[in-house]
Amino acid sequence: MSKRCRVLICDDHAEFRDLVKLVLQREPNIDIVGEAGDGKAAVHQAQKLRPDVVLMDLHMPEFDGLEATRRIKKASKRVKVLIVSAFGGEDLVSPCLNAGASGYFQKYHPLTELSRAVCAVNEGATYLSPSVLDKVSRASGTALDC
């Protein structure tokens, strides 16, 4: 059984934040504790609310999700960051993981899988959307056995 998870949603599109809230609120072990529409607010809210998992868009005003991730992880190693982005190339994924993100969820992946990704990173695993995992493995020359 998954432990209870407090989630902060950070995306500059209010409609997407609302959609994510609708999907995650159905999950009994997930509590939405707040949201932010830009990178600066994301860092502030993460420090104030102390969520377990931050869902972080990459392309936001103030500073981008990569910089916000660095700042959040610098302030608290305990907080997990799951990047949620429409883009998924290896050139984006690796810097995010190097900045301390625990995973990368591509927005084109079914949102019904988002709760699974949140729970995985909350429990200490690294999560990569299947399409992202495929691109990263091809770029590194590693074959995946499924």
N, C-alpha and C. Protein backbone atom coordinates (compact mmCIF):
# COMPACT_ATOMS: atom_id res chain seq x y z
N MET A 1 0.84 -1.19 0.00
CA MET A 1 0.00 0.00 0.00
C MET A 1 0.88 1.25 0.00
N SER A 2 0.55 2.21 -0.81
CA SER A 2 1.29 3.45 -0.91
C SER A 2 1.03 4.33 0.31
N LYS A 3 2.10 5.04 0.73
CA LYS A 3 1.89 5.99 1.81
C LYS A 3 1.23 7.25 1.27
N ARG A 4 0.60 8.00 2.14
CA ARG A 4 -0.09 9.23 1.77
C ARG A 4 0.90 10.21 1.16
N CYS A 5 0.47 10.96 0.15
CA CYS A 5 1.36 11.84 -0.61
C CYS A 5 0.76 13.23 -0.75
N ARG A 6 1.52 14.24 -0.35
CA ARG A 6 1.12 15.64 -0.48
C ARG A 6 1.76 16.21 -1.75
N VAL A 7 0.93 16.75 -2.65
CA VAL A 7 1.39 17.17 -3.98
C VAL A 7 1.18 18.66 -4.20
N LEU A 8 2.20 19.30 -4.77
CA LEU A 8 2.15 20.69 -5.22
C LEU A 8 2.20 20.66 -6.74
N ILE A 9 1.23 21.34 -7.40
CA ILE A 9 1.15 21.35 -8.87
C ILE A 9 1.67 22.69 -9.39
N CYS A 10 2.70 22.65 -10.24
CA CYS A 10 3.32 23.86 -10.77
C CYS A 10 3.30 23.84 -12.30
N ASP A 11 2.48 24.70 -12.87
CA ASP A 11 2.34 24.80 -14.32
C ASP A 11 1.77 26.18 -14.63
N ASP A 12 2.23 26.80 -15.68
CA ASP A 12 1.75 28.16 -16.00
C ASP A 12 0.39 28.17 -16.68
N HIS A 13 -0.15 27.02 -16.99
CA HIS A 13 -1.49 26.95 -17.59
C HIS A 13 -2.50 26.49 -16.54
N ALA A 14 -3.37 27.42 -16.13
CA ALA A 14 -4.36 27.13 -15.09
C ALA A 14 -5.26 25.96 -15.48
N GLU A 15 -5.60 25.86 -16.77
CA GLU A 15 -6.47 24.79 -17.22
C GLU A 15 -5.81 23.43 -17.03
N PHE A 16 -4.52 23.36 -17.28
CA PHE A 16 -3.81 22.09 -17.09
C PHE A 16 -3.73 21.75 -15.60
N ARG A 17 -3.46 22.75 -14.76
CA ARG A 17 -3.45 22.51 -13.31
C ARG A 17 -4.80 21.97 -12.85
N ASP A 18 -5.89 22.56 -13.37
CA ASP A 18 -7.23 22.10 -13.00
C ASP A 18 -7.46 20.65 -13.43
N LEU A 19 -7.01 20.30 -14.61
CA LEU A 19 -7.15 18.94 -15.12
C LEU A 19 -6.37 17.96 -14.24
N VAL A 20 -5.15 18.32 -13.90
CA VAL A 20 -4.33 17.47 -13.04
C VAL A 20 -5.00 17.29 -11.68
N LYS A 21 -5.55 18.37 -11.13
CA LYS A 21 -6.26 18.28 -9.85
C LYS A 21 -7.43 17.30 -9.95
N LEU A 22 -8.21 17.40 -11.03
CA LEU A 22 -9.34 16.48 -11.23
C LEU A 22 -8.89 15.02 -11.24
N VAL A 23 -7.80 14.76 -11.91
CA VAL A 23 -7.29 13.39 -12.02
C VAL A 23 -6.77 12.90 -10.66
N LEU A 24 -5.96 13.72 -10.00
CA LEU A 24 -5.31 13.27 -8.77
C LEU A 24 -6.24 13.26 -7.57
N GLN A 25 -7.27 14.10 -7.56
CA GLN A 25 -8.19 14.13 -6.42
C GLN A 25 -8.98 12.85 -6.28
N ARG A 26 -9.02 12.05 -7.31
CA ARG A 26 -9.72 10.75 -7.27
C ARG A 26 -8.93 9.72 -6.47
N GLU A 27 -7.68 10.00 -6.26
CA GLU A 27 -6.80 9.03 -5.59
C GLU A 27 -6.87 9.21 -4.07
N PRO A 28 -7.20 8.16 -3.34
CA PRO A 28 -7.35 8.29 -1.88
C PRO A 28 -6.06 8.60 -1.13
N ASN A 29 -4.91 8.27 -1.71
CA ASN A 29 -3.64 8.50 -1.02
C ASN A 29 -2.92 9.78 -1.46
N ILE A 30 -3.59 10.61 -2.27
CA ILE A 30 -2.96 11.84 -2.75
C ILE A 30 -3.76 13.04 -2.28
N ASP A 31 -3.06 13.99 -1.68
CA ASP A 31 -3.65 15.27 -1.27
C ASP A 31 -2.99 16.38 -2.06
N ILE A 32 -3.79 17.21 -2.73
CA ILE A 32 -3.27 18.39 -3.42
C ILE A 32 -3.15 19.49 -2.37
N VAL A 33 -1.94 19.94 -2.10
CA VAL A 33 -1.74 20.94 -1.04
C VAL A 33 -1.60 22.36 -1.58
N GLY A 34 -1.38 22.51 -2.90
CA GLY A 34 -1.24 23.84 -3.47
C GLY A 34 -0.88 23.79 -4.93
N GLU A 35 -0.75 24.99 -5.48
CA GLU A 35 -0.38 25.12 -6.89
C GLU A 35 0.37 26.42 -7.10
N ALA A 36 1.09 26.48 -8.21
CA ALA A 36 1.86 27.67 -8.57
C ALA A 36 1.85 27.80 -10.09
N GLY A 37 1.87 29.05 -10.56
CA GLY A 37 1.82 29.32 -11.99
C GLY A 37 3.12 29.81 -12.59
N ASP A 38 4.18 29.92 -11.77
CA ASP A 38 5.49 30.31 -12.29
C ASP A 38 6.58 29.71 -11.40
N GLY A 39 7.81 29.76 -11.88
CA GLY A 39 8.91 29.12 -11.16
C GLY A 39 9.20 29.73 -9.80
N LYS A 40 9.12 31.02 -9.70
CA LYS A 40 9.38 31.68 -8.42
C LYS A 40 8.33 31.28 -7.38
N ALA A 41 7.07 31.29 -7.78
CA ALA A 41 5.98 30.86 -6.88
C ALA A 41 6.13 29.38 -6.52
N ALA A 42 6.60 28.57 -7.46
CA ALA A 42 6.79 27.14 -7.19
C ALA A 42 7.79 26.93 -6.06
N VAL A 43 8.90 27.65 -6.11
CA VAL A 43 9.92 27.52 -5.07
C VAL A 43 9.35 28.00 -3.74
N HIS A 44 8.68 29.14 -3.76
CA HIS A 44 8.09 29.69 -2.54
C HIS A 44 7.08 28.73 -1.93
N GLN A 45 6.18 28.21 -2.76
CA GLN A 45 5.14 27.29 -2.27
C GLN A 45 5.75 25.97 -1.76
N ALA A 46 6.79 25.50 -2.42
CA ALA A 46 7.44 24.26 -1.98
C ALA A 46 8.06 24.45 -0.59
N GLN A 47 8.67 25.61 -0.36
CA GLN A 47 9.27 25.88 0.94
C GLN A 47 8.20 26.08 2.02
N LYS A 48 7.12 26.71 1.65
CA LYS A 48 6.04 27.02 2.59
C LYS A 48 5.20 25.77 2.92
N LEU A 49 4.81 25.01 1.90
CA LEU A 49 3.87 23.90 2.07
C LEU A 49 4.54 22.56 2.38
N ARG A 50 5.81 22.43 2.04
CA ARG A 50 6.59 21.21 2.27
C ARG A 50 5.90 19.95 1.73
N PRO A 51 5.59 19.94 0.43
CA PRO A 51 4.93 18.75 -0.16
C PRO A 51 5.90 17.58 -0.23
N ASP A 52 5.34 16.42 -0.47
CA ASP A 52 6.18 15.24 -0.73
C ASP A 52 6.66 15.24 -2.17
N VAL A 53 5.75 15.62 -3.08
CA VAL A 53 6.05 15.62 -4.52
C VAL A 53 5.61 16.94 -5.13
N VAL A 54 6.50 17.51 -5.95
CA VAL A 54 6.17 18.71 -6.73
C VAL A 54 6.07 18.28 -8.19
N LEU A 55 4.92 18.56 -8.82
CA LEU A 55 4.77 18.36 -10.26
C LEU A 55 5.22 19.64 -10.92
N MET A 56 6.25 19.58 -11.75
CA MET A 56 6.90 20.78 -12.26
C MET A 56 6.92 20.83 -13.79
N ASP A 57 6.28 21.86 -14.33
CA ASP A 57 6.37 22.12 -15.77
C ASP A 57 7.76 22.71 -16.05
N LEU A 58 8.28 22.51 -17.23
CA LEU A 58 9.59 23.06 -17.58
C LEU A 58 9.53 24.50 -18.05
N HIS A 59 8.54 24.83 -18.84
CA HIS A 59 8.48 26.15 -19.46
C HIS A 59 7.48 27.03 -18.72
N MET A 60 8.03 27.86 -17.81
CA MET A 60 7.20 28.76 -17.00
C MET A 60 7.86 30.12 -16.89
N PRO A 61 7.07 31.15 -16.58
CA PRO A 61 7.65 32.49 -16.36
C PRO A 61 8.45 32.56 -15.06
N GLU A 62 9.08 33.70 -14.85
CA GLU A 62 9.95 34.00 -13.70
C GLU A 62 11.26 33.24 -13.84
N PHE A 63 11.29 31.99 -13.48
CA PHE A 63 12.37 31.12 -13.92
C PHE A 63 11.78 29.76 -14.25
N ASP A 64 12.48 29.07 -15.14
CA ASP A 64 11.92 27.84 -15.69
C ASP A 64 11.91 26.71 -14.65
N GLY A 65 11.27 25.62 -15.02
CA GLY A 65 11.14 24.49 -14.13
C GLY A 65 12.46 23.85 -13.74
N LEU A 66 13.44 23.92 -14.61
CA LEU A 66 14.75 23.35 -14.29
C LEU A 66 15.40 24.15 -13.14
N GLU A 67 15.36 25.46 -13.24
CA GLU A 67 15.92 26.30 -12.17
C GLU A 67 15.10 26.16 -10.89
N ALA A 68 13.79 26.10 -11.02
CA ALA A 68 12.94 25.92 -9.84
C ALA A 68 13.25 24.57 -9.17
N THR A 69 13.46 23.54 -9.96
CA THR A 69 13.83 22.23 -9.41
C THR A 69 15.13 22.32 -8.64
N ARG A 70 16.14 22.95 -9.21
CA ARG A 70 17.43 23.11 -8.52
C ARG A 70 17.24 23.80 -7.17
N ARG A 71 16.46 24.86 -7.17
CA ARG A 71 16.25 25.63 -5.93
C ARG A 71 15.46 24.83 -4.89
N ILE A 72 14.46 24.11 -5.33
CA ILE A 72 13.67 23.31 -4.41
C ILE A 72 14.53 22.21 -3.80
N LYS A 73 15.30 21.53 -4.62
CA LYS A 73 16.15 20.45 -4.12
C LYS A 73 17.27 20.98 -3.22
N LYS A 74 17.76 22.17 -3.51
CA LYS A 74 18.79 22.77 -2.65
C LYS A 74 18.23 23.07 -1.27
N ALA A 75 16.97 23.52 -1.22
CA ALA A 75 16.33 23.85 0.05
C ALA A 75 15.91 22.61 0.82
N SER A 76 15.55 21.54 0.13
CA SER A 76 15.08 20.32 0.80
C SER A 76 15.35 19.10 -0.07
N LYS A 77 16.23 18.26 0.39
CA LYS A 77 16.53 17.02 -0.34
C LYS A 77 15.35 16.04 -0.26
N ARG A 78 14.49 16.20 0.76
CA ARG A 78 13.36 15.30 0.99
C ARG A 78 12.28 15.43 -0.08
N VAL A 79 12.06 16.64 -0.59
CA VAL A 79 11.00 16.87 -1.57
C VAL A 79 11.38 16.22 -2.90
N LYS A 80 10.44 15.48 -3.47
CA LYS A 80 10.65 14.85 -4.77
C LYS A 80 10.05 15.76 -5.84
N VAL A 81 10.71 15.87 -6.97
CA VAL A 81 10.20 16.66 -8.09
C VAL A 81 9.97 15.73 -9.27
N LEU A 82 8.76 15.80 -9.81
CA LEU A 82 8.41 15.05 -11.02
C LEU A 82 8.16 16.08 -12.11
N ILE A 83 9.01 16.10 -13.12
CA ILE A 83 8.84 17.01 -14.24
C ILE A 83 7.64 16.54 -15.06
N VAL A 84 6.77 17.47 -15.42
CA VAL A 84 5.61 17.18 -16.26
C VAL A 84 5.68 18.15 -17.43
N SER A 85 6.05 17.65 -18.59
CA SER A 85 6.31 18.51 -19.73
C SER A 85 5.80 17.90 -21.03
N ALA A 86 5.46 18.77 -21.97
CA ALA A 86 5.05 18.31 -23.30
C ALA A 86 6.26 17.81 -24.09
N PHE A 87 7.44 18.28 -23.72
CA PHE A 87 8.66 17.93 -24.44
C PHE A 87 9.34 16.77 -23.73
N GLY A 88 10.03 15.92 -24.49
CA GLY A 88 10.60 14.74 -23.86
C GLY A 88 11.89 14.24 -24.44
N GLY A 89 12.66 15.09 -25.07
CA GLY A 89 13.93 14.65 -25.64
C GLY A 89 14.97 14.41 -24.58
N GLU A 90 15.94 13.55 -24.87
CA GLU A 90 17.01 13.23 -23.94
C GLU A 90 17.76 14.47 -23.52
N ASP A 91 17.83 15.47 -24.42
CA ASP A 91 18.54 16.72 -24.10
C ASP A 91 17.84 17.51 -23.00
N LEU A 92 16.57 17.23 -22.74
CA LEU A 92 15.84 17.86 -21.64
C LEU A 92 15.79 16.98 -20.41
N VAL A 93 15.65 15.69 -20.60
CA VAL A 93 15.48 14.77 -19.48
C VAL A 93 16.73 14.70 -18.61
N SER A 94 17.89 14.53 -19.21
CA SER A 94 19.13 14.39 -18.44
C SER A 94 19.41 15.60 -17.54
N PRO A 95 19.30 16.84 -18.04
CA PRO A 95 19.51 17.97 -17.14
C PRO A 95 18.53 18.01 -15.97
N CYS A 96 17.30 17.58 -16.21
CA CYS A 96 16.30 17.56 -15.13
C CYS A 96 16.70 16.55 -14.05
N LEU A 97 17.09 15.36 -14.48
CA LEU A 97 17.51 14.34 -13.52
C LEU A 97 18.77 14.79 -12.79
N ASN A 98 19.68 15.42 -13.50
CA ASN A 98 20.90 15.94 -12.88
C ASN A 98 20.61 17.06 -11.88
N ALA A 99 19.52 17.79 -12.09
CA ALA A 99 19.13 18.88 -11.18
C ALA A 99 18.44 18.33 -9.93
N GLY A 100 18.14 17.05 -9.92
CA GLY A 100 17.53 16.43 -8.76
C GLY A 100 16.12 15.93 -8.95
N ALA A 101 15.56 16.05 -10.15
CA ALA A 101 14.22 15.53 -10.40
C ALA A 101 14.21 14.01 -10.24
N SER A 102 13.11 13.50 -9.73
CA SER A 102 12.96 12.06 -9.52
C SER A 102 12.27 11.38 -10.69
N GLY A 103 11.87 12.16 -11.68
CA GLY A 103 11.21 11.56 -12.82
C GLY A 103 10.79 12.58 -13.83
N TYR A 104 10.25 12.05 -14.93
CA TYR A 104 9.86 12.88 -16.07
C TYR A 104 8.61 12.27 -16.69
N PHE A 105 7.51 12.98 -16.57
CA PHE A 105 6.23 12.54 -17.11
C PHE A 105 5.88 13.40 -18.31
N GLN A 106 5.73 12.79 -19.46
CA GLN A 106 5.41 13.54 -20.66
C GLN A 106 3.90 13.78 -20.73
N LYS A 107 3.50 15.02 -20.98
CA LYS A 107 2.09 15.39 -20.99
C LYS A 107 1.26 14.62 -22.01
N TYR A 108 1.89 14.08 -23.02
CA TYR A 108 1.17 13.31 -24.02
C TYR A 108 0.85 11.90 -23.54
N HIS A 109 1.47 11.50 -22.46
CA HIS A 109 1.19 10.21 -21.85
C HIS A 109 -0.17 10.33 -21.16
N PRO A 110 -0.99 9.28 -21.13
CA PRO A 110 -2.31 9.40 -20.50
C PRO A 110 -2.24 9.91 -19.06
N LEU A 111 -3.02 10.93 -18.75
CA LEU A 111 -3.01 11.50 -17.41
C LEU A 111 -3.48 10.51 -16.36
N THR A 112 -4.17 9.48 -16.78
CA THR A 112 -4.58 8.45 -15.83
C THR A 112 -3.37 7.75 -15.21
N GLU A 113 -2.21 7.84 -15.87
CA GLU A 113 -0.98 7.24 -15.35
C GLU A 113 -0.23 8.18 -14.40
N LEU A 114 -0.68 9.43 -14.31
CA LEU A 114 0.04 10.41 -13.50
C LEU A 114 0.06 10.01 -12.02
N SER A 115 -1.03 9.48 -11.52
CA SER A 115 -1.04 9.09 -10.11
C SER A 115 -0.03 7.97 -9.85
N ARG A 116 0.12 7.09 -10.80
CA ARG A 116 1.13 6.03 -10.68
C ARG A 116 2.54 6.62 -10.63
N ALA A 117 2.78 7.61 -11.46
CA ALA A 117 4.08 8.28 -11.47
C ALA A 117 4.34 9.01 -10.15
N VAL A 118 3.31 9.70 -9.65
CA VAL A 118 3.44 10.43 -8.38
C VAL A 118 3.75 9.45 -7.25
N CYS A 119 3.02 8.35 -7.19
CA CYS A 119 3.25 7.36 -6.14
C CYS A 119 4.64 6.74 -6.25
N ALA A 120 5.08 6.49 -7.46
CA ALA A 120 6.41 5.90 -7.66
C ALA A 120 7.51 6.81 -7.12
N VAL A 121 7.49 8.07 -7.49
CA VAL A 121 8.54 8.98 -7.00
C VAL A 121 8.39 9.23 -5.50
N ASN A 122 7.17 9.25 -5.01
CA ASN A 122 6.95 9.43 -3.58
C ASN A 122 7.57 8.28 -2.78
N GLU A 123 7.57 7.10 -3.36
CA GLU A 123 8.14 5.93 -2.69
C GLU A 123 9.63 5.75 -2.97
N GLY A 124 10.24 6.72 -3.67
CA GLY A 124 11.68 6.70 -3.87
C GLY A 124 12.17 6.17 -5.20
N ALA A 125 11.25 5.79 -6.09
CA ALA A 125 11.64 5.29 -7.40
C ALA A 125 11.84 6.46 -8.37
N THR A 126 12.49 6.17 -9.47
CA THR A 126 12.59 7.12 -10.58
C THR A 126 11.53 6.71 -11.59
N TYR A 127 10.77 7.70 -12.10
CA TYR A 127 9.73 7.41 -13.08
C TYR A 127 10.04 8.16 -14.37
N LEU A 128 9.99 7.43 -15.48
CA LEU A 128 10.09 8.04 -16.81
C LEU A 128 8.94 7.52 -17.65
N SER A 129 8.20 8.44 -18.30
CA SER A 129 7.15 8.01 -19.22
C SER A 129 7.76 7.07 -20.25
N PRO A 130 7.00 6.08 -20.72
CA PRO A 130 7.55 5.11 -21.68
C PRO A 130 8.21 5.76 -22.90
N SER A 131 7.60 6.80 -23.46
CA SER A 131 8.20 7.43 -24.64
C SER A 131 9.52 8.12 -24.30
N VAL A 132 9.60 8.68 -23.10
CA VAL A 132 10.83 9.33 -22.65
C VAL A 132 11.90 8.28 -22.39
N LEU A 133 11.52 7.21 -21.73
CA LEU A 133 12.46 6.12 -21.44
C LEU A 133 13.05 5.57 -22.73
N ASP A 134 12.21 5.40 -23.74
CA ASP A 134 12.68 4.90 -25.03
C ASP A 134 13.70 5.85 -25.66
N LYS A 135 13.41 7.15 -25.63
CA LYS A 135 14.35 8.13 -26.21
C LYS A 135 15.66 8.18 -25.44
N VAL A 136 15.59 8.13 -24.14
CA VAL A 136 16.80 8.17 -23.31
C VAL A 136 17.64 6.93 -23.53
N SER A 137 16.99 5.77 -23.60
CA SER A 137 17.74 4.53 -23.81
C SER A 137 18.39 4.50 -25.19
N ARG A 138 17.69 5.01 -26.19
CA ARG A 138 18.28 5.06 -27.55
C ARG A 138 19.48 6.00 -27.58
N ALA A 139 19.36 7.15 -26.90
CA ALA A 139 20.45 8.12 -26.89
C ALA A 139 21.69 7.56 -26.17
N SER A 140 21.45 6.73 -25.14
CA SER A 140 22.58 6.17 -24.40
C SER A 140 23.08 4.87 -25.00
N GLY A 141 22.33 4.32 -25.98
CA GLY A 141 22.73 3.07 -26.62
C GLY A 141 22.41 1.86 -25.78
N THR A 142 21.52 2.01 -24.79
CA THR A 142 21.15 0.91 -23.90
C THR A 142 19.85 0.27 -24.38
N ALA A 143 19.86 -1.02 -24.53
CA ALA A 143 18.63 -1.72 -24.91
C ALA A 143 17.80 -1.98 -23.66
N LEU A 144 16.51 -1.93 -23.80
CA LEU A 144 15.61 -2.18 -22.68
C LEU A 144 14.94 -3.53 -22.86
N ASP A 145 14.94 -4.32 -21.81
CA ASP A 145 14.21 -5.58 -21.79
C ASP A 145 12.90 -5.34 -21.06
N CYS A 146 11.79 -5.58 -21.74
CA CYS A 146 10.48 -5.38 -21.12
C CYS A 146 9.79 -6.70 -20.91
